[in-house]
């Protein structure tokens, strides 16, 4: 049971890191959109689109990782409940 708890703690730390990364992407996308509204005419449209696509791709990758971690945590919680004799 100790190993499951330790694994769950590690997954929680990874979850927090990924949530911060996703939040950071969202914040930077918001900044890019606001800046483009004001200064977009000074820059190359395709370059701006590629930058946004790259940030979105990272965000999607991290969201997928976050879903996998949350699923793994759910399985571990279920396993711990089963070991303790608690049905969920």
PDB file of N, CA and C in Angstrom:
ATOM      1  N   UNK A   1       0.819  -1.189   0.000  1.00  0.00           N
ATOM      2  CA  UNK A   1       0.000   0.000   0.000  1.00  0.00           C
ATOM      3  C   UNK A   1       0.868   1.261   0.000  1.00  0.00           C
ATOM      4  N   UNK A   2       2.040   1.186   0.628  1.00  0.00           N
ATOM      5  CA  UNK A   2       2.932   2.332   0.683  1.00  0.00           C
ATOM      6  C   UNK A   2       3.378   2.760  -0.714  1.00  0.00           C
ATOM      7  N   UNK A   3       3.669   1.771  -1.573  1.00  0.00           N
ATOM      8  CA  UNK A   3       4.099   2.084  -2.931  1.00  0.00           C
ATOM      9  C   UNK A   3       3.011   2.803  -3.705  1.00  0.00           C
ATOM     10  N   UNK A   4       1.751   2.376  -3.525  1.00  0.00           N
ATOM     11  CA  UNK A   4       0.639   3.035  -4.210  1.00  0.00           C
ATOM     12  C   UNK A   4       0.513   4.477  -3.749  1.00  0.00           C
ATOM     13  N   UNK A   5       0.653   4.708  -2.453  1.00  0.00           N
ATOM     14  CA  UNK A   5       0.548   6.061  -1.913  1.00  0.00           C
ATOM     15  C   UNK A   5       1.678   6.945  -2.428  1.00  0.00           C
ATOM     16  N   UNK A   6       2.880   6.391  -2.465  1.00  0.00           N
ATOM     17  CA  UNK A   6       4.028   7.144  -2.973  1.00  0.00           C
ATOM     18  C   UNK A   6       3.831   7.477  -4.453  1.00  0.00           C
ATOM     19  N   UNK A   7       3.351   6.497  -5.202  1.00  0.00           N
ATOM     20  CA  UNK A   7       3.099   6.722  -6.630  1.00  0.00           C
ATOM     21  C   UNK A   7       2.039   7.800  -6.813  1.00  0.00           C
ATOM     22  N   UNK A   8       0.998   7.763  -5.994  1.00  0.00           N
ATOM     23  CA  UNK A   8      -0.061   8.756  -6.106  1.00  0.00           C
ATOM     24  C   UNK A   8       0.464  10.156  -5.772  1.00  0.00           C
ATOM     25  N   UNK A   9       1.346  10.256  -4.806  1.00  0.00           N
ATOM     26  CA  UNK A   9       1.955  11.542  -4.458  1.00  0.00           C
ATOM     27  C   UNK A   9       2.786  12.076  -5.628  1.00  0.00           C
ATOM     28  N   UNK A  10       3.555  11.203  -6.246  1.00  0.00           N
ATOM     29  CA  UNK A  10       4.366  11.606  -7.404  1.00  0.00           C
ATOM     30  C   UNK A  10       3.471  12.051  -8.561  1.00  0.00           C
ATOM     31  N   UNK A  11       2.385  11.316  -8.774  1.00  0.00           N
ATOM     32  CA  UNK A  11       1.454  11.686  -9.850  1.00  0.00           C
ATOM     33  C   UNK A  11       0.790  13.024  -9.566  1.00  0.00           C
ATOM     34  N   UNK A  12       0.488  13.293  -8.310  1.00  0.00           N
ATOM     35  CA  UNK A  12      -0.107  14.576  -7.943  1.00  0.00           C
ATOM     36  C   UNK A  12       0.867  15.718  -8.240  1.00  0.00           C
ATOM     37  N   UNK A  13       2.135  15.506  -7.956  1.00  0.00           N
ATOM     38  CA  UNK A  13       3.144  16.523  -8.266  1.00  0.00           C
ATOM     39  C   UNK A  13       3.227  16.752  -9.774  1.00  0.00           C
ATOM     40  N   UNK A  14       3.190  15.681 -10.553  1.00  0.00           N
ATOM     41  CA  UNK A  14       3.206  15.803 -12.009  1.00  0.00           C
ATOM     42  C   UNK A  14       1.942  16.505 -12.507  1.00  0.00           C
ATOM     43  N   UNK A  15       0.821  16.192 -11.884  1.00  0.00           N
ATOM     44  CA  UNK A  15      -0.449  16.816 -12.257  1.00  0.00           C
ATOM     45  C   UNK A  15      -0.387  18.326 -12.059  1.00  0.00           C
ATOM     46  N   UNK A  16       0.144  18.747 -10.932  1.00  0.00           N
ATOM     47  CA  UNK A  16       0.259  20.178 -10.637  1.00  0.00           C
ATOM     48  C   UNK A  16       1.160  20.863 -11.660  1.00  0.00           C
ATOM     49  N   UNK A  17       2.277  20.235 -11.982  1.00  0.00           N
ATOM     50  CA  UNK A  17       3.198  20.792 -12.980  1.00  0.00           C
ATOM     51  C   UNK A  17       2.512  20.941 -14.328  1.00  0.00           C
ATOM     52  N   UNK A  18       1.789  19.905 -14.746  1.00  0.00           N
ATOM     53  CA  UNK A  18       1.105  19.963 -16.035  1.00  0.00           C
ATOM     54  C   UNK A  18      -0.006  21.013 -16.039  1.00  0.00           C
ATOM     55  N   UNK A  19      -0.729  21.134 -14.949  1.00  0.00           N
ATOM     56  CA  UNK A  19      -1.768  22.163 -14.870  1.00  0.00           C
ATOM     57  C   UNK A  19      -1.161  23.551 -15.019  1.00  0.00           C
ATOM     58  N   UNK A  20      -0.009  23.767 -14.382  1.00  0.00           N
ATOM     59  CA  UNK A  20       0.669  25.063 -14.499  1.00  0.00           C
ATOM     60  C   UNK A  20       1.129  25.310 -15.942  1.00  0.00           C
ATOM     61  N   UNK A  21       1.615  24.269 -16.603  1.00  0.00           N
ATOM     62  CA  UNK A  21       2.034  24.416 -17.994  1.00  0.00           C
ATOM     63  C   UNK A  21       0.855  24.778 -18.886  1.00  0.00           C
ATOM     64  N   UNK A  22      -0.267  24.106 -18.686  1.00  0.00           N
ATOM     65  CA  UNK A  22      -1.470  24.383 -19.481  1.00  0.00           C
ATOM     66  C   UNK A  22      -1.948  25.811 -19.222  1.00  0.00           C
ATOM     67  N   UNK A  23      -1.953  26.213 -17.957  1.00  0.00           N
ATOM     68  CA  UNK A  23      -2.344  27.580 -17.608  1.00  0.00           C
ATOM     69  C   UNK A  23      -1.410  28.604 -18.244  1.00  0.00           C
ATOM     70  N   UNK A  24      -0.135  28.287 -18.279  1.00  0.00           N
ATOM     71  CA  UNK A  24       0.842  29.188 -18.885  1.00  0.00           C
ATOM     72  C   UNK A  24       0.583  29.339 -20.376  1.00  0.00           C
ATOM     73  N   UNK A  25       0.301  28.232 -21.044  1.00  0.00           N
ATOM     74  CA  UNK A  25      -0.044  28.301 -22.476  1.00  0.00           C
ATOM     75  C   UNK A  25      -1.244  29.205 -22.685  1.00  0.00           C
ATOM     76  N   UNK A  26      -2.271  29.027 -21.873  1.00  0.00           N
ATOM     77  CA  UNK A  26      -3.479  29.834 -22.008  1.00  0.00           C
ATOM     78  C   UNK A  26      -3.178  31.309 -21.798  1.00  0.00           C
ATOM     79  N   UNK A  27      -2.366  31.613 -20.806  1.00  0.00           N
ATOM     80  CA  UNK A  27      -1.999  33.002 -20.539  1.00  0.00           C
ATOM     81  C   UNK A  27      -1.227  33.598 -21.713  1.00  0.00           C
ATOM     82  N   UNK A  28      -0.313  32.825 -22.265  1.00  0.00           N
ATOM     83  CA  UNK A  28       0.482  33.344 -23.374  1.00  0.00           C
ATOM     84  C   UNK A  28      -0.334  33.461 -24.648  1.00  0.00           C
ATOM     85  N   UNK A  29      -1.272  32.567 -24.861  1.00  0.00           N
ATOM     86  CA  UNK A  29      -2.169  32.708 -26.013  1.00  0.00           C
ATOM     87  C   UNK A  29      -3.002  33.981 -25.879  1.00  0.00           C
ATOM     88  N   UNK A  30      -3.489  34.238 -24.680  1.00  0.00           N
ATOM     89  CA  UNK A  30      -4.264  35.460 -24.435  1.00  0.00           C
ATOM     90  C   UNK A  30      -3.419  36.691 -24.752  1.00  0.00           C
ATOM     91  N   UNK A  31      -2.169  36.647 -24.320  1.00  0.00           N
ATOM     92  CA  UNK A  31      -1.257  37.755 -24.601  1.00  0.00           C
ATOM     93  C   UNK A  31      -1.020  37.901 -26.103  1.00  0.00           C
ATOM     94  N   UNK A  32      -0.781  36.793 -26.779  1.00  0.00           N
ATOM     95  CA  UNK A  32      -0.530  36.832 -28.226  1.00  0.00           C
ATOM     96  C   UNK A  32      -1.728  37.432 -28.953  1.00  0.00           C
ATOM     97  N   UNK A  33      -2.939  37.001 -28.580  1.00  0.00           N
ATOM     98  CA  UNK A  33      -4.134  37.523 -29.242  1.00  0.00           C
ATOM     99  C   UNK A  33      -4.301  39.018 -28.990  1.00  0.00           C
ATOM    100  N   UNK A  34      -4.098  39.453 -27.748  1.00  0.00           N
ATOM    101  CA  UNK A  34      -4.229  40.869 -27.417  1.00  0.00           C
ATOM    102  C   UNK A  34      -3.170  41.701 -28.146  1.00  0.00           C
ATOM    103  N   UNK A  35      -1.961  41.199 -28.174  1.00  0.00           N
ATOM    104  CA  UNK A  35      -0.876  41.918 -28.844  1.00  0.00           C
ATOM    105  C   UNK A  35      -1.128  41.979 -30.351  1.00  0.00           C
ATOM    106  N   UNK A  36      -1.643  40.898 -30.900  1.00  0.00           N
ATOM    107  CA  UNK A  36      -1.937  40.860 -32.338  1.00  0.00           C
ATOM    108  C   UNK A  36      -3.042  41.853 -32.692  1.00  0.00           C
ATOM    109  N   UNK A  37      -4.020  42.005 -31.803  1.00  0.00           N
ATOM    110  CA  UNK A  37      -5.079  42.983 -32.043  1.00  0.00           C
ATOM    111  C   UNK A  37      -4.510  44.389 -32.181  1.00  0.00           C
ATOM    112  N   UNK A  38      -3.471  44.687 -31.396  1.00  0.00           N
ATOM    113  CA  UNK A  38      -2.899  46.030 -31.412  1.00  0.00           C
ATOM    114  C   UNK A  38      -1.770  46.198 -32.427  1.00  0.00           C
ATOM    115  N   UNK A  39      -0.939  45.180 -32.582  1.00  0.00           N
ATOM    116  CA  UNK A  39       0.286  45.333 -33.364  1.00  0.00           C
ATOM    117  C   UNK A  39       0.423  44.327 -34.511  1.00  0.00           C
ATOM    118  N   UNK A  40      -0.594  43.531 -34.737  1.00  0.00           N
ATOM    119  CA  UNK A  40      -0.497  42.472 -35.738  1.00  0.00           C
ATOM    120  C   UNK A  40      -0.116  42.945 -37.128  1.00  0.00           C
ATOM    121  N   UNK A  41      -0.516  44.147 -37.478  1.00  0.00           N
ATOM    122  CA  UNK A  41      -0.201  44.689 -38.800  1.00  0.00           C
ATOM    123  C   UNK A  41       1.311  44.856 -39.017  1.00  0.00           C
ATOM    124  N   UNK A  42       2.095  44.869 -37.937  1.00  0.00           N
ATOM    125  CA  UNK A  42       3.546  45.039 -38.034  1.00  0.00           C
ATOM    126  C   UNK A  42       4.295  43.726 -38.238  1.00  0.00           C
ATOM    127  N   UNK A  43       3.568  42.609 -38.178  1.00  0.00           N
ATOM    128  CA  UNK A  43       4.237  41.316 -38.192  1.00  0.00           C
ATOM    129  C   UNK A  43       3.682  40.417 -39.284  1.00  0.00           C
ATOM    130  N   UNK A  44       4.371  39.352 -39.521  1.00  0.00           N
ATOM    131  CA  UNK A  44       4.027  38.396 -40.579  1.00  0.00           C
ATOM    132  C   UNK A  44       2.898  37.487 -40.108  1.00  0.00           C
ATOM    133  N   UNK A  45       1.781  37.509 -40.809  1.00  0.00           N
ATOM    134  CA  UNK A  45       0.579  36.775 -40.419  1.00  0.00           C
ATOM    135  C   UNK A  45       0.837  35.279 -40.263  1.00  0.00           C
ATOM    136  N   UNK A  46       1.528  34.683 -41.234  1.00  0.00           N
ATOM    137  CA  UNK A  46       1.783  33.238 -41.181  1.00  0.00           C
ATOM    138  C   UNK A  46       2.676  32.897 -39.993  1.00  0.00           C
ATOM    139  N   UNK A  47       3.636  33.761 -39.688  1.00  0.00           N
ATOM    140  CA  UNK A  47       4.512  33.521 -38.527  1.00  0.00           C
ATOM    141  C   UNK A  47       3.691  33.535 -37.232  1.00  0.00           C
ATOM    142  N   UNK A  48       2.773  34.492 -37.116  1.00  0.00           N
ATOM    143  CA  UNK A  48       1.918  34.555 -35.932  1.00  0.00           C
ATOM    144  C   UNK A  48       1.072  33.286 -35.832  1.00  0.00           C
ATOM    145  N   UNK A  49       0.508  32.861 -36.953  1.00  0.00           N
ATOM    146  CA  UNK A  49      -0.302  31.631 -36.959  1.00  0.00           C
ATOM    147  C   UNK A  49       0.522  30.419 -36.540  1.00  0.00           C
ATOM    148  N   UNK A  50       1.749  30.328 -37.007  1.00  0.00           N
ATOM    149  CA  UNK A  50       2.614  29.197 -36.647  1.00  0.00           C
ATOM    150  C   UNK A  50       2.966  29.215 -35.160  1.00  0.00           C
ATOM    151  N   UNK A  51       3.190  30.398 -34.626  1.00  0.00           N
ATOM    152  CA  UNK A  51       3.481  30.517 -33.192  1.00  0.00           C
ATOM    153  C   UNK A  51       2.272  30.052 -32.380  1.00  0.00           C
ATOM    154  N   UNK A  52       1.085  30.499 -32.761  1.00  0.00           N
ATOM    155  CA  UNK A  52      -0.133  30.101 -32.049  1.00  0.00           C
ATOM    156  C   UNK A  52      -0.334  28.593 -32.166  1.00  0.00           C
ATOM    157  N   UNK A  53      -0.122  28.038 -33.351  1.00  0.00           N
ATOM    158  CA  UNK A  53      -0.262  26.593 -33.525  1.00  0.00           C
ATOM    159  C   UNK A  53       0.723  25.830 -32.646  1.00  0.00           C
ATOM    160  N   UNK A  54       1.944  26.327 -32.532  1.00  0.00           N
ATOM    161  CA  UNK A  54       2.958  25.653 -31.712  1.00  0.00           C
ATOM    162  C   UNK A  54       2.561  25.668 -30.232  1.00  0.00           C
ATOM    163  N   UNK A  55       2.099  26.805 -29.759  1.00  0.00           N
ATOM    164  CA  UNK A  55       1.671  26.892 -28.357  1.00  0.00           C
ATOM    165  C   UNK A  55       0.465  25.984 -28.130  1.00  0.00           C
ATOM    166  N   UNK A  56      -0.481  25.985 -29.064  1.00  0.00           N
ATOM    167  CA  UNK A  56      -1.661  25.122 -28.947  1.00  0.00           C
ATOM    168  C   UNK A  56      -1.269  23.644 -28.958  1.00  0.00           C
ATOM    169  N   UNK A  57      -0.301  23.284 -29.782  1.00  0.00           N
ATOM    170  CA  UNK A  57       0.150  21.889 -29.840  1.00  0.00           C
ATOM    171  C   UNK A  57       0.752  21.461 -28.502  1.00  0.00           C
ATOM    172  N   UNK A  58       1.558  22.323 -27.907  1.00  0.00           N
ATOM    173  CA  UNK A  58       2.112  22.027 -26.576  1.00  0.00           C
ATOM    174  C   UNK A  58       1.004  21.890 -25.545  1.00  0.00           C
ATOM    175  N   UNK A  59       0.064  22.807 -25.596  1.00  0.00           N
ATOM    176  CA  UNK A  59      -1.045  22.770 -24.651  1.00  0.00           C
ATOM    177  C   UNK A  59      -1.839  21.469 -24.797  1.00  0.00           C
ATOM    178  N   UNK A  60      -2.105  21.060 -26.015  1.00  0.00           N
ATOM    179  CA  UNK A  60      -2.840  19.811 -26.256  1.00  0.00           C
ATOM    180  C   UNK A  60      -2.052  18.599 -25.755  1.00  0.00           C
ATOM    181  N   UNK A  61      -0.760  18.593 -25.999  1.00  0.00           N
ATOM    182  CA  UNK A  61       0.082  17.496 -25.526  1.00  0.00           C
ATOM    183  C   UNK A  61       0.047  17.400 -24.004  1.00  0.00           C
ATOM    184  N   UNK A  62       0.167  18.556 -23.351  1.00  0.00           N
ATOM    185  CA  UNK A  62       0.165  18.563 -21.892  1.00  0.00           C
ATOM    186  C   UNK A  62      -1.213  18.223 -21.326  1.00  0.00           C
ATOM    187  N   UNK A  63      -2.279  18.635 -22.024  1.00  0.00           N
ATOM    188  CA  UNK A  63      -3.626  18.256 -21.585  1.00  0.00           C
ATOM    189  C   UNK A  63      -3.826  16.747 -21.679  1.00  0.00           C
ATOM    190  N   UNK A  64      -3.321  16.145 -22.746  1.00  0.00           N
ATOM    191  CA  UNK A  64      -3.423  14.688 -22.891  1.00  0.00           C
ATOM    192  C   UNK A  64      -2.644  13.994 -21.772  1.00  0.00           C
ATOM    193  N   UNK A  65      -1.445  14.480 -21.494  1.00  0.00           N
ATOM    194  CA  UNK A  65      -0.653  13.919 -20.385  1.00  0.00           C
ATOM    195  C   UNK A  65      -1.395  14.067 -19.061  1.00  0.00           C
ATOM    196  N   UNK A  66      -2.028  15.216 -18.865  1.00  0.00           N
ATOM    197  CA  UNK A  66      -2.783  15.471 -17.651  1.00  0.00           C
ATOM    198  C   UNK A  66      -3.942  14.479 -17.510  1.00  0.00           C
ATOM    199  N   UNK A  67      -4.637  14.208 -18.606  1.00  0.00           N
ATOM    200  CA  UNK A  67      -5.729  13.224 -18.574  1.00  0.00           C
ATOM    201  C   UNK A  67      -5.212  11.837 -18.212  1.00  0.00           C
ATOM    202  N   UNK A  68      -4.077  11.456 -18.761  1.00  0.00           N
ATOM    203  CA  UNK A  68      -3.503  10.145 -18.444  1.00  0.00           C
ATOM    204  C   UNK A  68      -3.125  10.045 -16.963  1.00  0.00           C
ATOM    205  N   UNK A  69      -2.550  11.105 -16.441  1.00  0.00           N
ATOM    206  CA  UNK A  69      -2.171  11.106 -15.028  1.00  0.00           C
ATOM    207  C   UNK A  69      -3.408  11.018 -14.142  1.00  0.00           C
ATOM    208  N   UNK A  70      -4.438  11.783 -14.494  1.00  0.00           N
ATOM    209  CA  UNK A  70      -5.666  11.737 -13.690  1.00  0.00           C
ATOM    210  C   UNK A  70      -6.324  10.362 -13.746  1.00  0.00           C
ATOM    211  N   UNK A  71      -6.265   9.729 -14.895  1.00  0.00           N
ATOM    212  CA  UNK A  71      -6.808   8.377 -15.016  1.00  0.00           C
ATOM    213  C   UNK A  71      -6.006   7.399 -14.171  1.00  0.00           C
ATOM    214  N   UNK A  72      -4.682   7.516 -14.234  1.00  0.00           N
ATOM    215  CA  UNK A  72      -3.822   6.642 -13.439  1.00  0.00           C
ATOM    216  C   UNK A  72      -4.082   6.844 -11.940  1.00  0.00           C
ATOM    217  N   UNK A  73      -4.267   8.102 -11.529  1.00  0.00           N
ATOM    218  CA  UNK A  73      -4.587   8.374 -10.126  1.00  0.00           C
ATOM    219  C   UNK A  73      -5.923   7.748  -9.737  1.00  0.00           C
ATOM    220  N   UNK A  74      -6.889   7.781 -10.630  1.00  0.00           N
ATOM    221  CA  UNK A  74      -8.199   7.191 -10.347  1.00  0.00           C
ATOM    222  C   UNK A  74      -8.068   5.684 -10.152  1.00  0.00           C
ATOM    223  N   UNK A  75      -7.269   5.031 -10.999  1.00  0.00           N
ATOM    224  CA  UNK A  75      -7.043   3.594 -10.845  1.00  0.00           C
ATOM    225  C   UNK A  75      -6.332   3.283  -9.528  1.00  0.00           C
ATOM    226  N   UNK A  76      -5.362   4.111  -9.162  1.00  0.00           N
ATOM    227  CA  UNK A  76      -4.645   3.898  -7.907  1.00  0.00           C
ATOM    228  C   UNK A  76      -5.585   4.084  -6.722  1.00  0.00           C
ATOM    229  N   UNK A  77      -6.425   5.109  -6.769  1.00  0.00           N
ATOM    230  CA  UNK A  77      -7.397   5.321  -5.699  1.00  0.00           C
ATOM    231  C   UNK A  77      -8.310   4.112  -5.572  1.00  0.00           C
ATOM    232  N   UNK A  78      -8.752   3.598  -6.703  1.00  0.00           N
ATOM    233  CA  UNK A  78      -9.589   2.398  -6.692  1.00  0.00           C
ATOM    234  C   UNK A  78      -8.844   1.229  -6.074  1.00  0.00           C
ATOM    235  N   UNK A  79      -7.586   1.056  -6.441  1.00  0.00           N
ATOM    236  CA  UNK A  79      -6.764  -0.037  -5.908  1.00  0.00           C
ATOM    237  C   UNK A  79      -6.604   0.099  -4.397  1.00  0.00           C
ATOM    238  N   UNK A  80      -6.332   1.321  -3.927  1.00  0.00           N
ATOM    239  CA  UNK A  80      -6.183   1.557  -2.494  1.00  0.00           C
ATOM    240  C   UNK A  80      -7.483   1.261  -1.750  1.00  0.00           C
ATOM    241  N   UNK A  81      -8.599   1.646  -2.336  1.00  0.00           N
ATOM    242  CA  UNK A  81      -9.887   1.362  -1.706  1.00  0.00           C
ATOM    243  C   UNK A  81     -10.135  -0.143  -1.638  1.00  0.00           C
ATOM    244  N   UNK A  82      -9.763  -0.835  -2.690  1.00  0.00           N
ATOM    245  CA  UNK A  82      -9.938  -2.281  -2.696  1.00  0.00           C
ATOM    246  C   UNK A  82      -9.070  -2.944  -1.631  1.00  0.00           C
ATOM    247  N   UNK A  83      -7.839  -2.464  -1.485  1.00  0.00           N
ATOM    248  CA  UNK A  83      -6.936  -3.018  -0.474  1.00  0.00           C
ATOM    249  C   UNK A  83      -7.430  -2.743   0.932  1.00  0.00           C
ATOM    250  N   UNK A  84      -8.116  -1.628   1.120  1.00  0.00           N
ATOM    251  CA  UNK A  84      -8.636  -1.279   2.439  1.00  0.00           C
ATOM    252  C   UNK A  84     -10.018  -1.891   2.679  1.00  0.00           C
ATOM    253  N   UNK A  85     -10.552  -2.524   1.635  1.00  0.00           N
ATOM    254  CA  UNK A  85     -11.849  -3.167   1.769  1.00  0.00           C
ATOM    255  C   UNK A  85     -13.021  -2.216   1.620  1.00  0.00           C
ATOM    256  N   UNK A  86     -12.744  -1.078   0.985  1.00  0.00           N
ATOM    257  CA  UNK A  86     -13.805  -0.078   0.768  1.00  0.00           C
ATOM    258  C   UNK A  86     -14.252  -0.192  -0.686  1.00  0.00           C
ATOM    259  N   UNK A  87     -15.538  -0.308  -0.876  1.00  0.00           N
ATOM    260  CA  UNK A  87     -16.042  -0.347  -2.237  1.00  0.00           C
ATOM    261  C   UNK A  87     -16.464   1.052  -2.617  1.00  0.00           C
ATOM    262  N   UNK A  88     -16.090   1.463  -3.876  1.00  0.00           N
ATOM    263  CA  UNK A  88     -16.380   2.808  -4.299  1.00  0.00           C
ATOM    264  C   UNK A  88     -17.399   2.933  -5.303  1.00  0.00           C
TER     265      UNK A  88
END
